[in-house]
Amino acid sequence: MLYSNGDAFQTTWVDNEPVGIGTYHYYDGSQYTGEWKISKVKAISNKLGDFQKCLKHGKGLFEWPNGAFYEGNFENDKMEGFGTYMWPD
């Protein structure tokens, strides 16, 4: 799936939801490869309705354009728990 800002999401989709392992390529050159979950958020206003957001969740690898990377656990879209952060040379 390509987004208007230049991001791209490669994964298997079932019923318009990402399933299993996928790679999200950010427009700035960074990327995340790993597990995803769907967060269903109930909006406060009925005008907005419900929306879904894909979150980095579980084991994954996030790579920055400069060569740095974090490999480890993610929870609700954030690095969480055990993991390894490596800086470029």
Protein backbone atom coordinates (compact mmCIF):
# COMPACT_ATOMS: atom_id res chain seq x y z
CA MET A 1 0.00 0.00 0.00
CA LEU A 2 1.38 3.41 -0.97
CA TYR A 3 0.46 6.54 0.98
CA SER A 4 0.32 10.11 -0.34
CA ASN A 5 3.24 11.20 1.90
CA GLY A 6 5.58 8.65 0.26
CA ASP A 7 5.34 5.93 2.94
CA ALA A 8 4.77 2.35 1.80
CA PHE A 9 3.45 -0.66 3.73
CA GLN A 10 4.23 -4.20 2.55
CA THR A 11 2.29 -6.96 4.30
CA THR A 12 -0.53 -9.44 3.89
CA TRP A 13 -3.96 -7.86 4.22
CA VAL A 14 -7.12 -9.67 5.33
CA ASP A 15 -10.37 -7.69 5.58
CA ASN A 16 -8.38 -4.42 5.20
CA GLU A 17 -6.19 -5.22 8.22
CA PRO A 18 -2.47 -6.11 8.25
CA VAL A 19 -1.80 -9.71 9.24
CA GLY A 20 1.44 -11.15 10.61
CA ILE A 21 4.85 -9.78 9.68
CA GLY A 22 5.09 -6.67 7.52
CA THR A 23 7.50 -3.90 6.53
CA TYR A 24 6.62 -0.21 6.74
CA HIS A 25 8.91 2.05 4.70
CA TYR A 26 8.86 5.67 5.90
CA TYR A 27 9.37 8.51 3.40
CA ASP A 28 12.60 9.54 5.19
CA GLY A 29 14.24 6.18 4.45
CA SER A 30 13.70 4.54 7.84
CA GLN A 31 11.74 1.30 8.04
CA TYR A 32 10.17 -1.14 10.49
CA THR A 33 9.90 -4.87 9.87
CA GLY A 34 7.99 -6.96 12.36
CA GLU A 35 4.62 -7.67 13.89
CA TRP A 36 1.62 -5.34 13.83
CA LYS A 37 -1.63 -5.06 15.70
CA ILE A 38 -4.78 -3.10 15.06
CA SER A 39 -5.82 -0.58 17.68
CA LYS A 40 -9.51 0.17 17.47
CA VAL A 41 -10.12 3.57 19.01
CA LYS A 42 -13.59 4.88 19.77
CA ALA A 43 -13.77 8.57 18.95
CA ILE A 44 -15.16 10.98 21.51
CA SER A 45 -17.39 12.72 18.99
CA ASN A 46 -19.98 10.79 16.97
CA LYS A 47 -19.03 13.01 14.02
CA LEU A 48 -15.62 11.36 13.88
CA GLY A 49 -16.80 7.78 14.37
CA ASP A 50 -14.42 4.87 14.89
CA PHE A 51 -10.99 4.59 13.34
CA GLN A 52 -8.22 2.03 13.27
CA LYS A 53 -4.50 2.56 13.56
CA CYS A 54 -1.72 0.09 12.76
CA LEU A 55 0.73 -0.13 15.64
CA LYS A 56 4.19 -1.67 15.88
CA HIS A 57 3.63 -4.45 18.41
CA GLY A 58 5.70 -7.53 19.29
CA LYS A 59 9.17 -8.36 18.04
CA GLY A 60 10.53 -6.16 15.29
CA LEU A 61 13.41 -4.33 13.68
CA PHE A 62 13.44 -0.54 13.15
CA GLU A 63 16.17 0.84 10.87
CA TRP A 64 17.13 4.51 10.46
CA PRO A 65 18.59 5.89 7.20
CA ASN A 66 21.98 6.50 8.89
CA GLY A 67 22.44 2.76 9.52
CA ALA A 68 21.40 2.73 13.19
CA PHE A 69 18.83 0.15 14.20
CA TYR A 70 16.81 -1.18 17.11
CA GLU A 71 15.85 -4.85 17.25
CA GLY A 72 13.62 -5.97 20.06
CA ASN A 73 10.19 -5.59 21.55
CA PHE A 74 7.59 -2.98 20.66
CA GLU A 75 4.38 -2.27 22.52
CA ASN A 76 1.67 0.06 21.24
CA ASP A 77 4.01 1.61 18.64
CA LYS A 78 6.93 2.24 21.05
CA MET A 79 10.22 0.46 21.82
CA GLU A 80 9.51 -1.41 25.04
CA GLY A 81 11.33 -3.96 27.19
CA PHE A 82 14.36 -5.83 25.92
CA GLY A 83 16.09 -4.92 22.70
CA THR A 84 19.37 -4.00 21.06
CA TYR A 85 20.20 -0.56 19.69
CA MET A 86 23.17 -0.37 17.34
CA TRP A 87 24.80 2.84 16.15
CA PRO A 88 26.49 3.14 12.76
CA ASP A 89 30.30 3.03 12.59
